[in-house]
Amino acid sequence: MSVNQDLANTQLTSRQGLIVYLNSISNQYKLRSFGDIVYSSNKLRYCILYVNQNDVEKIITILEAQDFVNCIEKTMADNINLDSKHIEQQISEMAKTAGEELEKNKDMEN
């Protein structure tokens, strides 16, 4: 279950993350009027911007028209399954795979 699915039952506003690639990282300050900047990379010239779920498409349209923006992507955070059963299943599968690899490596040494 994603965070936004959990928030659906509350009165909190759902948020969407946008990855905004910039021509110059100094333009990140122009993004403040659109949402909350939670991360910026000087080297790769991008920012992660959180905006209200209701305004996502409108903000993407506005940002794409800006000359300082190269590209915009939506984050995939809503697609992550945070259910404890799913996480436990993934951990057990990884442990099984790791055990098989250890056995395989042990057989190769002998």
PDB file of N, CA and C in Angstrom:
ATOM      1  N   MET A   1       0.844  -1.168   0.000  1.00  0.00           N
ATOM      2  CA  MET A   1       0.000   0.000   0.000  1.00  0.00           C
ATOM      3  C   MET A   1       0.894   1.237   0.000  1.00  0.00           C
ATOM      4  N   SER A   2       0.593   2.201  -0.855  1.00  0.00           N
ATOM      5  CA  SER A   2       1.428   3.394  -0.959  1.00  0.00           C
ATOM      6  C   SER A   2       1.016   4.436   0.073  1.00  0.00           C
ATOM      7  N   VAL A   3       1.848   5.425   0.225  1.00  0.00           N
ATOM      8  CA  VAL A   3       1.587   6.490   1.189  1.00  0.00           C
ATOM      9  C   VAL A   3       0.329   7.252   0.812  1.00  0.00           C
ATOM     10  N   ASN A   4       0.157   7.565  -0.478  1.00  0.00           N
ATOM     11  CA  ASN A   4      -1.035   8.304  -0.900  1.00  0.00           C
ATOM     12  C   ASN A   4      -2.303   7.493  -0.703  1.00  0.00           C
ATOM     13  N   GLN A   5      -2.226   6.174  -0.808  1.00  0.00           N
ATOM     14  CA  GLN A   5      -3.393   5.343  -0.531  1.00  0.00           C
ATOM     15  C   GLN A   5      -3.740   5.392   0.944  1.00  0.00           C
ATOM     16  N   ASP A   6      -2.726   5.424   1.804  1.00  0.00           N
ATOM     17  CA  ASP A   6      -2.967   5.561   3.236  1.00  0.00           C
ATOM     18  C   ASP A   6      -3.574   6.922   3.566  1.00  0.00           C
ATOM     19  N   LEU A   7      -3.149   7.959   2.864  1.00  0.00           N
ATOM     20  CA  LEU A   7      -3.642   9.310   3.118  1.00  0.00           C
ATOM     21  C   LEU A   7      -5.056   9.532   2.599  1.00  0.00           C
ATOM     22  N   ALA A   8      -5.540   8.657   1.737  1.00  0.00           N
ATOM     23  CA  ALA A   8      -6.867   8.831   1.157  1.00  0.00           C
ATOM     24  C   ALA A   8      -7.947   8.849   2.233  1.00  0.00           C
ATOM     25  N   ASN A   9      -7.729   8.155   3.341  1.00  0.00           N
ATOM     26  CA  ASN A   9      -8.722   8.090   4.411  1.00  0.00           C
ATOM     27  C   ASN A   9      -8.594   9.245   5.398  1.00  0.00           C
ATOM     28  N   THR A  10      -7.622  10.099   5.225  1.00  0.00           N
ATOM     29  CA  THR A  10      -7.426  11.237   6.119  1.00  0.00           C
ATOM     30  C   THR A  10      -7.762  12.524   5.380  1.00  0.00           C
ATOM     31  N   GLN A  11      -7.635  13.636   6.067  1.00  0.00           N
ATOM     32  CA  GLN A  11      -7.908  14.927   5.437  1.00  0.00           C
ATOM     33  C   GLN A  11      -6.632  15.589   4.924  1.00  0.00           C
ATOM     34  N   LEU A  12      -5.518  14.859   4.932  1.00  0.00           N
ATOM     35  CA  LEU A  12      -4.263  15.400   4.426  1.00  0.00           C
ATOM     36  C   LEU A  12      -4.264  15.415   2.901  1.00  0.00           C
ATOM     37  N   THR A  13      -3.570  16.366   2.323  1.00  0.00           N
ATOM     38  CA  THR A  13      -3.500  16.510   0.872  1.00  0.00           C
ATOM     39  C   THR A  13      -2.529  15.494   0.288  1.00  0.00           C
ATOM     40  N   SER A  14      -2.953  14.795  -0.749  1.00  0.00           N
ATOM     41  CA  SER A  14      -2.062  13.864  -1.453  1.00  0.00           C
ATOM     42  C   SER A  14      -1.056  14.669  -2.259  1.00  0.00           C
ATOM     43  N   ARG A  15       0.172  14.172  -2.311  1.00  0.00           N
ATOM     44  CA  ARG A  15       1.251  14.864  -3.006  1.00  0.00           C
ATOM     45  C   ARG A  15       1.826  13.959  -4.091  1.00  0.00           C
ATOM     46  N   GLN A  16       2.397  14.571  -5.098  1.00  0.00           N
ATOM     47  CA  GLN A  16       3.047  13.855  -6.194  1.00  0.00           C
ATOM     48  C   GLN A  16       4.442  14.424  -6.357  1.00  0.00           C
ATOM     49  N   GLY A  17       5.417  13.554  -6.498  1.00  0.00           N
ATOM     50  CA  GLY A  17       6.783  13.994  -6.725  1.00  0.00           C
ATOM     51  C   GLY A  17       7.056  14.163  -8.206  1.00  0.00           C
ATOM     52  N   LEU A  18       7.746  15.228  -8.547  1.00  0.00           N
ATOM     53  CA  LEU A  18       8.168  15.477  -9.921  1.00  0.00           C
ATOM     54  C   LEU A  18       9.680  15.623  -9.939  1.00  0.00           C
ATOM     55  N   ILE A  19      10.316  14.974 -10.899  1.00  0.00           N
ATOM     56  CA  ILE A  19      11.750  15.152 -11.107  1.00  0.00           C
ATOM     57  C   ILE A  19      11.891  16.151 -12.248  1.00  0.00           C
ATOM     58  N   VAL A  20      12.475  17.300 -11.938  1.00  0.00           N
ATOM     59  CA  VAL A  20      12.589  18.383 -12.911  1.00  0.00           C
ATOM     60  C   VAL A  20      14.064  18.565 -13.261  1.00  0.00           C
ATOM     61  N   TYR A  21      14.409  18.291 -14.520  1.00  0.00           N
ATOM     62  CA  TYR A  21      15.776  18.468 -15.013  1.00  0.00           C
ATOM     63  C   TYR A  21      15.917  19.892 -15.541  1.00  0.00           C
ATOM     64  N   LEU A  22      16.982  20.561 -15.114  1.00  0.00           N
ATOM     65  CA  LEU A  22      17.163  21.978 -15.416  1.00  0.00           C
ATOM     66  C   LEU A  22      18.358  22.218 -16.334  1.00  0.00           C
ATOM     67  N   ASN A  23      18.323  23.327 -17.088  1.00  0.00           N
ATOM     68  CA  ASN A  23      19.481  23.731 -17.890  1.00  0.00           C
ATOM     69  C   ASN A  23      20.629  24.144 -16.991  1.00  0.00           C
ATOM     70  N   SER A  24      20.306  24.856 -15.926  1.00  0.00           N
ATOM     71  CA  SER A  24      21.297  25.311 -14.957  1.00  0.00           C
ATOM     72  C   SER A  24      20.706  25.135 -13.562  1.00  0.00           C
ATOM     73  N   ILE A  25      21.489  24.591 -12.637  1.00  0.00           N
ATOM     74  CA  ILE A  25      20.973  24.316 -11.297  1.00  0.00           C
ATOM     75  C   ILE A  25      20.609  25.603 -10.564  1.00  0.00           C
ATOM     76  N   SER A  26      21.166  26.738 -10.984  1.00  0.00           N
ATOM     77  CA  SER A  26      20.818  28.005 -10.332  1.00  0.00           C
ATOM     78  C   SER A  26      19.350  28.379 -10.557  1.00  0.00           C
ATOM     79  N   ASN A  27      18.708  27.755 -11.527  1.00  0.00           N
ATOM     80  CA  ASN A  27      17.290  28.011 -11.787  1.00  0.00           C
ATOM     81  C   ASN A  27      16.362  27.276 -10.830  1.00  0.00           C
ATOM     82  N   GLN A  28      16.919  26.482  -9.923  1.00  0.00           N
ATOM     83  CA  GLN A  28      16.078  25.739  -8.991  1.00  0.00           C
ATOM     84  C   GLN A  28      15.215  26.666  -8.136  1.00  0.00           C
ATOM     85  N   TYR A  29      15.683  27.868  -7.893  1.00  0.00           N
ATOM     86  CA  TYR A  29      14.941  28.802  -7.048  1.00  0.00           C
ATOM     87  C   TYR A  29      13.640  29.255  -7.709  1.00  0.00           C
ATOM     88  N   LYS A  30      13.576  29.171  -9.018  1.00  0.00           N
ATOM     89  CA  LYS A  30      12.354  29.528  -9.735  1.00  0.00           C
ATOM     90  C   LYS A  30      11.259  28.485  -9.531  1.00  0.00           C
ATOM     91  N   LEU A  31      11.637  27.283  -9.083  1.00  0.00           N
ATOM     92  CA  LEU A  31      10.662  26.214  -8.878  1.00  0.00           C
ATOM     93  C   LEU A  31       9.906  26.346  -7.561  1.00  0.00           C
ATOM     94  N   ARG A  32      10.390  27.181  -6.655  1.00  0.00           N
ATOM     95  CA  ARG A  32       9.788  27.286  -5.322  1.00  0.00           C
ATOM     96  C   ARG A  32       8.323  27.700  -5.359  1.00  0.00           C
ATOM     97  N   SER A  33       7.928  28.456  -6.352  1.00  0.00           N
ATOM     98  CA  SER A  33       6.535  28.907  -6.426  1.00  0.00           C
ATOM     99  C   SER A  33       5.591  27.790  -6.868  1.00  0.00           C
ATOM    100  N   PHE A  34       6.127  26.681  -7.365  1.00  0.00           N
ATOM    101  CA  PHE A  34       5.293  25.587  -7.851  1.00  0.00           C
ATOM    102  C   PHE A  34       5.073  24.492  -6.816  1.00  0.00           C
ATOM    103  N   GLY A  35       5.993  24.364  -5.856  1.00  0.00           N
ATOM    104  CA  GLY A  35       5.878  23.305  -4.852  1.00  0.00           C
ATOM    105  C   GLY A  35       7.075  23.313  -3.930  1.00  0.00           C
ATOM    106  N   ASP A  36       7.248  22.211  -3.212  1.00  0.00           N
ATOM    107  CA  ASP A  36       8.329  22.092  -2.240  1.00  0.00           C
ATOM    108  C   ASP A  36       9.500  21.325  -2.844  1.00  0.00           C
ATOM    109  N   ILE A  37      10.670  21.944  -2.872  1.00  0.00           N
ATOM    110  CA  ILE A  37      11.882  21.275  -3.343  1.00  0.00           C
ATOM    111  C   ILE A  37      12.421  20.454  -2.182  1.00  0.00           C
ATOM    112  N   VAL A  38      12.489  19.131  -2.352  1.00  0.00           N
ATOM    113  CA  VAL A  38      12.981  18.273  -1.275  1.00  0.00           C
ATOM    114  C   VAL A  38      14.398  17.780  -1.539  1.00  0.00           C
ATOM    115  N   TYR A  39      14.861  17.876  -2.781  1.00  0.00           N
ATOM    116  CA  TYR A  39      16.222  17.453  -3.102  1.00  0.00           C
ATOM    117  C   TYR A  39      16.654  18.141  -4.388  1.00  0.00           C
ATOM    118  N   SER A  40      17.929  18.478  -4.448  1.00  0.00           N
ATOM    119  CA  SER A  40      18.491  18.988  -5.698  1.00  0.00           C
ATOM    120  C   SER A  40      19.898  18.444  -5.864  1.00  0.00           C
ATOM    121  N   SER A  41      20.256  18.135  -7.094  1.00  0.00           N
ATOM    122  CA  SER A  41      21.582  17.625  -7.418  1.00  0.00           C
ATOM    123  C   SER A  41      22.295  18.652  -8.287  1.00  0.00           C
ATOM    124  N   ASN A  42      23.371  19.200  -7.751  1.00  0.00           N
ATOM    125  CA  ASN A  42      24.146  20.173  -8.525  1.00  0.00           C
ATOM    126  C   ASN A  42      24.824  19.518  -9.716  1.00  0.00           C
ATOM    127  N   LYS A  43      25.361  18.329  -9.508  1.00  0.00           N
ATOM    128  CA  LYS A  43      26.113  17.642 -10.558  1.00  0.00           C
ATOM    129  C   LYS A  43      25.213  17.230 -11.724  1.00  0.00           C
ATOM    130  N   LEU A  44      24.064  16.637 -11.416  1.00  0.00           N
ATOM    131  CA  LEU A  44      23.175  16.140 -12.468  1.00  0.00           C
ATOM    132  C   LEU A  44      22.095  17.144 -12.870  1.00  0.00           C
ATOM    133  N   ARG A  45      22.043  18.280 -12.204  1.00  0.00           N
ATOM    134  CA  ARG A  45      21.137  19.392 -12.510  1.00  0.00           C
ATOM    135  C   ARG A  45      19.670  18.980 -12.542  1.00  0.00           C
ATOM    136  N   TYR A  46      19.212  18.428 -11.423  1.00  0.00           N
ATOM    137  CA  TYR A  46      17.789  18.142 -11.310  1.00  0.00           C
ATOM    138  C   TYR A  46      17.318  18.411  -9.889  1.00  0.00           C
ATOM    139  N   CYS A  47      16.006  18.579  -9.750  1.00  0.00           N
ATOM    140  CA  CYS A  47      15.377  18.781  -8.445  1.00  0.00           C
ATOM    141  C   CYS A  47      14.206  17.822  -8.326  1.00  0.00           C
ATOM    142  N   ILE A  48      13.945  17.403  -7.099  1.00  0.00           N
ATOM    143  CA  ILE A  48      12.723  16.660  -6.820  1.00  0.00           C
ATOM    144  C   ILE A  48      11.779  17.640  -6.149  1.00  0.00           C
ATOM    145  N   LEU A  49      10.638  17.821  -6.766  1.00  0.00           N
ATOM    146  CA  LEU A  49       9.661  18.818  -6.368  1.00  0.00           C
ATOM    147  C   LEU A  49       8.368  18.104  -5.998  1.00  0.00           C
ATOM    148  N   TYR A  50       7.825  18.392  -4.822  1.00  0.00           N
ATOM    149  CA  TYR A  50       6.539  17.818  -4.427  1.00  0.00           C
ATOM    150  C   TYR A  50       5.448  18.859  -4.612  1.00  0.00           C
ATOM    151  N   VAL A  51       4.377  18.446  -5.302  1.00  0.00           N
ATOM    152  CA  VAL A  51       3.244  19.331  -5.577  1.00  0.00           C
ATOM    153  C   VAL A  51       1.954  18.623  -5.174  1.00  0.00           C
ATOM    154  N   ASN A  52       0.875  19.390  -5.042  1.00  0.00           N
ATOM    155  CA  ASN A  52      -0.417  18.794  -4.717  1.00  0.00           C
ATOM    156  C   ASN A  52      -0.880  17.898  -5.865  1.00  0.00           C
ATOM    157  N   GLN A  53      -1.461  16.769  -5.515  1.00  0.00           N
ATOM    158  CA  GLN A  53      -1.909  15.785  -6.503  1.00  0.00           C
ATOM    159  C   GLN A  53      -2.907  16.402  -7.484  1.00  0.00           C
ATOM    160  N   ASN A  54      -3.762  17.293  -7.000  1.00  0.00           N
ATOM    161  CA  ASN A  54      -4.789  17.897  -7.856  1.00  0.00           C
ATOM    162  C   ASN A  54      -4.201  18.822  -8.920  1.00  0.00           C
ATOM    163  N   ASP A  55      -3.027  19.370  -8.669  1.00  0.00           N
ATOM    164  CA  ASP A  55      -2.434  20.363  -9.567  1.00  0.00           C
ATOM    165  C   ASP A  55      -1.329  19.811 -10.455  1.00  0.00           C
ATOM    166  N   VAL A  56      -1.093  18.513 -10.437  1.00  0.00           N
ATOM    167  CA  VAL A  56       0.068  17.931 -11.124  1.00  0.00           C
ATOM    168  C   VAL A  56       0.082  18.254 -12.614  1.00  0.00           C
ATOM    169  N   GLU A  57      -0.979  17.957 -13.313  1.00  0.00           N
ATOM    170  CA  GLU A  57      -0.993  18.134 -14.771  1.00  0.00           C
ATOM    171  C   GLU A  57      -0.843  19.605 -15.151  1.00  0.00           C
ATOM    172  N   LYS A  58      -1.492  20.482 -14.399  1.00  0.00           N
ATOM    173  CA  LYS A  58      -1.393  21.919 -14.674  1.00  0.00           C
ATOM    174  C   LYS A  58       0.044  22.408 -14.469  1.00  0.00           C
ATOM    175  N   ILE A  59       0.687  21.963 -13.392  1.00  0.00           N
ATOM    176  CA  ILE A  59       2.056  22.391 -13.099  1.00  0.00           C
ATOM    177  C   ILE A  59       3.031  21.830 -14.130  1.00  0.00           C
ATOM    178  N   ILE A  60       2.830  20.577 -14.546  1.00  0.00           N
ATOM    179  CA  ILE A  60       3.699  19.996 -15.579  1.00  0.00           C
ATOM    180  C   ILE A  60       3.604  20.807 -16.871  1.00  0.00           C
ATOM    181  N   THR A  61       2.392  21.176 -17.253  1.00  0.00           N
ATOM    182  CA  THR A  61       2.196  21.967 -18.467  1.00  0.00           C
ATOM    183  C   THR A  61       2.909  23.315 -18.373  1.00  0.00           C
ATOM    184  N   ILE A  62       2.788  23.961 -17.221  1.00  0.00           N
ATOM    185  CA  ILE A  62       3.441  25.264 -17.031  1.00  0.00           C
ATOM    186  C   ILE A  62       4.961  25.112 -17.053  1.00  0.00           C
ATOM    187  N   LEU A  63       5.478  24.106 -16.343  1.00  0.00           N
ATOM    188  CA  LEU A  63       6.931  23.928 -16.262  1.00  0.00           C
ATOM    189  C   LEU A  63       7.543  23.547 -17.606  1.00  0.00           C
ATOM    190  N   GLU A  64       6.834  22.730 -18.389  1.00  0.00           N
ATOM    191  CA  GLU A  64       7.365  22.341 -19.698  1.00  0.00           C
ATOM    192  C   GLU A  64       7.516  23.544 -20.624  1.00  0.00           C
ATOM    193  N   ALA A  65       6.728  24.578 -20.395  1.00  0.00           N
ATOM    194  CA  ALA A  65       6.804  25.778 -21.227  1.00  0.00           C
ATOM    195  C   ALA A  65       7.955  26.696 -20.813  1.00  0.00           C
ATOM    196  N   GLN A  66       8.550  26.459 -19.657  1.00  0.00           N
ATOM    197  CA  GLN A  66       9.643  27.308 -19.173  1.00  0.00           C
ATOM    198  C   GLN A  66      10.934  26.977 -19.923  1.00  0.00           C
ATOM    199  N   ASP A  67      11.713  28.002 -20.241  1.00  0.00           N
ATOM    200  CA  ASP A  67      12.940  27.784 -21.006  1.00  0.00           C
ATOM    201  C   ASP A  67      14.073  27.198 -20.170  1.00  0.00           C
ATOM    202  N   PHE A  68      13.984  27.255 -18.854  1.00  0.00           N
ATOM    203  CA  PHE A  68      15.052  26.714 -18.006  1.00  0.00           C
ATOM    204  C   PHE A  68      14.850  25.240 -17.658  1.00  0.00           C
ATOM    205  N   VAL A  69      13.745  24.629 -18.123  1.00  0.00           N
ATOM    206  CA  VAL A  69      13.436  23.227 -17.824  1.00  0.00           C
ATOM    207  C   VAL A  69      13.743  22.364 -19.041  1.00  0.00           C
ATOM    208  N   ASN A  70      14.544  21.304 -18.832  1.00  0.00           N
ATOM    209  CA  ASN A  70      14.838  20.354 -19.910  1.00  0.00           C
ATOM    210  C   ASN A  70      13.766  19.290 -20.028  1.00  0.00           C
ATOM    211  N   CYS A  71      13.410  18.687 -18.888  1.00  0.00           N
ATOM    212  CA  CYS A  71      12.542  17.512 -18.904  1.00  0.00           C
ATOM    213  C   CYS A  71      11.871  17.382 -17.544  1.00  0.00           C
ATOM    214  N   ILE A  72      10.693  16.754 -17.518  1.00  0.00           N
ATOM    215  CA  ILE A  72       9.975  16.505 -16.264  1.00  0.00           C
ATOM    216  C   ILE A  72       9.508  15.058 -16.263  1.00  0.00           C
ATOM    217  N   GLU A  73       9.704  14.378 -15.125  1.00  0.00           N
ATOM    218  CA  GLU A  73       9.214  13.012 -14.939  1.00  0.00           C
ATOM    219  C   GLU A  73       8.449  12.938 -13.628  1.00  0.00           C
ATOM    220  N   LYS A  74       7.410  12.112 -13.605  1.00  0.00           N
ATOM    221  CA  LYS A  74       6.711  11.842 -12.347  1.00  0.00           C
ATOM    222  C   LYS A  74       7.476  10.756 -11.602  1.00  0.00           C
ATOM    223  N   THR A  75       7.548  10.887 -10.275  1.00  0.00           N
ATOM    224  CA  THR A  75       8.206   9.848  -9.487  1.00  0.00           C
ATOM    225  C   THR A  75       7.307   8.626  -9.415  1.00  0.00           C
ATOM    226  N   MET A  76       7.910   7.486  -9.181  1.00  0.00           N
ATOM    227  CA  MET A  76       7.170   6.229  -9.145  1.00  0.00           C
ATOM    228  C   MET A  76       6.874   5.780  -7.712  1.00  0.00           C
ATOM    229  N   ALA A  77       6.896   6.688  -6.771  1.00  0.00           N
ATOM    230  CA  ALA A  77       6.713   6.342  -5.359  1.00  0.00           C
ATOM    231  C   ALA A  77       5.357   5.694  -5.096  1.00  0.00           C
ATOM    232  N   ASP A  78       4.324   6.049  -5.858  1.00  0.00           N
ATOM    233  CA  ASP A  78       3.006   5.454  -5.646  1.00  0.00           C
ATOM    234  C   ASP A  78       2.948   3.996  -6.069  1.00  0.00           C
ATOM    235  N   ASN A  79       3.887   3.573  -6.893  1.00  0.00           N
ATOM    236  CA  ASN A  79       3.890   2.194  -7.374  1.00  0.00           C
ATOM    237  C   ASN A  79       4.634   1.243  -6.452  1.00  0.00           C
ATOM    238  N   ILE A  80       5.221   1.754  -5.381  1.00  0.00           N
ATOM    239  CA  ILE A  80       5.962   0.911  -4.448  1.00  0.00           C
ATOM    240  C   ILE A  80       4.989   0.293  -3.462  1.00  0.00           C
ATOM    241  N   ASN A  81       5.033  -1.021  -3.341  1.00  0.00           N
ATOM    242  CA  ASN A  81       4.164  -1.732  -2.413  1.00  0.00           C
ATOM    243  C   ASN A  81       4.842  -1.784  -1.051  1.00  0.00           C
ATOM    244  N   LEU A  82       4.271  -1.080  -0.075  1.00  0.00           N
ATOM    245  CA  LEU A  82       4.851  -1.012   1.263  1.00  0.00           C
ATOM    246  C   LEU A  82       4.144  -1.933   2.251  1.00  0.00           C
ATOM    247  N   ASP A  83       3.330  -2.847   1.754  1.00  0.00           N
ATOM    248  CA  ASP A  83       2.635  -3.791   2.613  1.00  0.00           C
ATOM    249  C   ASP A  83       3.653  -4.720   3.267  1.00  0.00           C
ATOM    250  N   SER A  84       3.507  -4.979   4.559  1.00  0.00           N
ATOM    251  CA  SER A  84       4.503  -5.775   5.288  1.00  0.00           C
ATOM    252  C   SER A  84       4.596  -7.206   4.751  1.00  0.00           C
ATOM    253  N   LYS A  85       3.487  -7.787   4.307  1.00  0.00           N
ATOM    254  CA  LYS A  85       3.533  -9.147   3.752  1.00  0.00           C
ATOM    255  C   LYS A  85       4.371  -9.178   2.474  1.00  0.00           C
ATOM    256  N   HIS A  86       4.215  -8.161   1.659  1.00  0.00           N
ATOM    257  CA  HIS A  86       4.982  -8.090   0.413  1.00  0.00           C
ATOM    258  C   HIS A  86       6.475  -7.942   0.710  1.00  0.00           C
ATOM    259  N   ILE A  87       6.807  -7.101   1.671  1.00  0.00           N
ATOM    260  CA  ILE A  87       8.210  -6.884   2.033  1.00  0.00           C
ATOM    261  C   ILE A  87       8.816  -8.160   2.607  1.00  0.00           C
ATOM    262  N   GLU A  88       8.073  -8.858   3.477  1.00  0.00           N
ATOM    263  CA  GLU A  88       8.562 -10.119   4.046  1.00  0.00           C
ATOM    264  C   GLU A  88       8.792 -11.156   2.955  1.00  0.00           C
ATOM    265  N   GLN A  89       7.907 -11.205   1.974  1.00  0.00           N
ATOM    266  CA  GLN A  89       8.054 -12.144   0.867  1.00  0.00           C
ATOM    267  C   GLN A  89       9.311 -11.821   0.057  1.00  0.00           C
ATOM    268  N   GLN A  90       9.560 -10.545  -0.193  1.00  0.00           N
ATOM    269  CA  GLN A  90      10.760 -10.157  -0.932  1.00  0.00           C
ATOM    270  C   GLN A  90      12.022 -10.534  -0.167  1.00  0.00           C
ATOM    271  N   ILE A  91      12.025 -10.323   1.147  1.00  0.00           N
ATOM    272  CA  ILE A  91      13.196 -10.650   1.960  1.00  0.00           C
ATOM    273  C   ILE A  91      13.452 -12.145   1.945  1.00  0.00           C
ATOM    274  N   SER A  92      12.396 -12.953   2.072  1.00  0.00           N
ATOM    275  CA  SER A  92      12.590 -14.405   2.068  1.00  0.00           C
ATOM    276  C   SER A  92      13.081 -14.892   0.705  1.00  0.00           C
ATOM    277  N   GLU A  93      12.596 -14.292  -0.377  1.00  0.00           N
ATOM    278  CA  GLU A  93      13.072 -14.658  -1.715  1.00  0.00           C
ATOM    279  C   GLU A  93      14.544 -14.289  -1.894  1.00  0.00           C
ATOM    280  N   MET A  94      14.940 -13.124  -1.392  1.00  0.00           N
ATOM    281  CA  MET A  94      16.343 -12.718  -1.495  1.00  0.00           C
ATOM    282  C   MET A  94      17.234 -13.625  -0.654  1.00  0.00           C
ATOM    283  N   ALA A  95      16.762 -14.032   0.525  1.00  0.00           N
ATOM    284  CA  ALA A  95      17.545 -14.929   1.377  1.00  0.00           C
ATOM    285  C   ALA A  95      17.713 -16.284   0.702  1.00  0.00           C
ATOM    286  N   LYS A  96      16.656 -16.777   0.067  1.00  0.00           N
ATOM    287  CA  LYS A  96      16.718 -18.058  -0.636  1.00  0.00           C
ATOM    288  C   LYS A  96      17.712 -17.975  -1.798  1.00  0.00           C
ATOM    289  N   THR A  97      17.647 -16.900  -2.569  1.00  0.00           N
ATOM    290  CA  THR A  97      18.560 -16.704  -3.695  1.00  0.00           C
ATOM    291  C   THR A  97      20.004 -16.601  -3.219  1.00  0.00           C
ATOM    292  N   ALA A  98      20.222 -15.875  -2.126  1.00  0.00           N
ATOM    293  CA  ALA A  98      21.577 -15.735  -1.582  1.00  0.00           C
ATOM    294  C   ALA A  98      22.109 -17.076  -1.109  1.00  0.00           C
ATOM    295  N   GLY A  99      21.258 -17.893  -0.476  1.00  0.00           N
ATOM    296  CA  GLY A  99      21.669 -19.222  -0.028  1.00  0.00           C
ATOM    297  C   GLY A  99      22.055 -20.112  -1.195  1.00  0.00           C
ATOM    298  N   GLU A 100      21.283 -20.046  -2.273  1.00  0.00           N
ATOM    299  CA  GLU A 100      21.587 -20.836  -3.464  1.00  0.00           C
ATOM    300  C   GLU A 100      22.919 -20.396  -4.076  1.00  0.00           C
ATOM    301  N   GLU A 101      23.171 -19.093  -4.117  1.00  0.00           N
ATOM    302  CA  GLU A 101      24.434 -18.585  -4.656  1.00  0.00           C
ATOM    303  C   GLU A 101      25.614 -19.032  -3.799  1.00  0.00           C
ATOM    304  N   LEU A 102      25.452 -19.019  -2.479  1.00  0.00           N
ATOM    305  CA  LEU A 102      26.524 -19.478  -1.590  1.00  0.00           C
ATOM    306  C   LEU A 102      26.834 -20.952  -1.816  1.00  0.00           C
ATOM    307  N   GLU A 103      25.806 -21.765  -1.958  1.00  0.00           N
ATOM    308  CA  GLU A 103      25.999 -23.194  -2.219  1.00  0.00           C
ATOM    309  C   GLU A 103      26.694 -23.405  -3.559  1.00  0.00           C
ATOM    310  N   LYS A 104      26.283 -22.643  -4.552  1.00  0.00           N
ATOM    311  CA  LYS A 104      26.876 -22.759  -5.881  1.00  0.00           C
ATOM    312  C   LYS A 104      28.360 -22.373  -5.840  1.00  0.00           C
ATOM    313  N   ASN A 105      28.684 -21.296  -5.136  1.00  0.00           N
ATOM    314  CA  ASN A 105      30.080 -20.860  -5.016  1.00  0.00           C
ATOM    315  C   ASN A 105      30.907 -21.859  -4.217  1.00  0.00           C
ATOM    316  N   LYS A 106      30.299 -22.459  -3.196  1.00  0.00           N
ATOM    317  CA  LYS A 106      31.003 -23.444  -2.379  1.00  0.00           C
ATOM    318  C   LYS A 106      31.325 -24.679  -3.220  1.00  0.00           C
ATOM    319  N   ASP A 107      30.390 -25.093  -4.085  1.00  0.00           N
ATOM    320  CA  ASP A 107      30.614 -26.245  -4.958  1.00  0.00           C
ATOM    321  C   ASP A 107      31.711 -25.954  -5.987  1.00  0.00           C
ATOM    322  N   MET A 108      31.792 -24.718  -6.452  1.00  0.00           N
ATOM    323  CA  MET A 108      32.805 -24.354  -7.445  1.00  0.00           C
ATOM    324  C   MET A 108      34.206 -24.363  -6.834  1.00  0.00           C
ATOM    325  N   GLU A 109      34.316 -24.050  -5.548  1.00  0.00           N
ATOM    326  CA  GLU A 109      35.615 -24.047  -4.880  1.00  0.00           C
ATOM    327  C   GLU A 109      36.150 -25.464  -4.709  1.00  0.00           C
ATOM    328  N   ASN A 110      35.270 -26.418  -4.531  1.00  0.00           N
ATOM    329  CA  ASN A 110      35.689 -27.814  -4.308  1.00  0.00           C
ATOM    330  C   ASN A 110      35.889 -28.530  -5.578  1.00  0.00           C
TER     331      ASN A 110
END
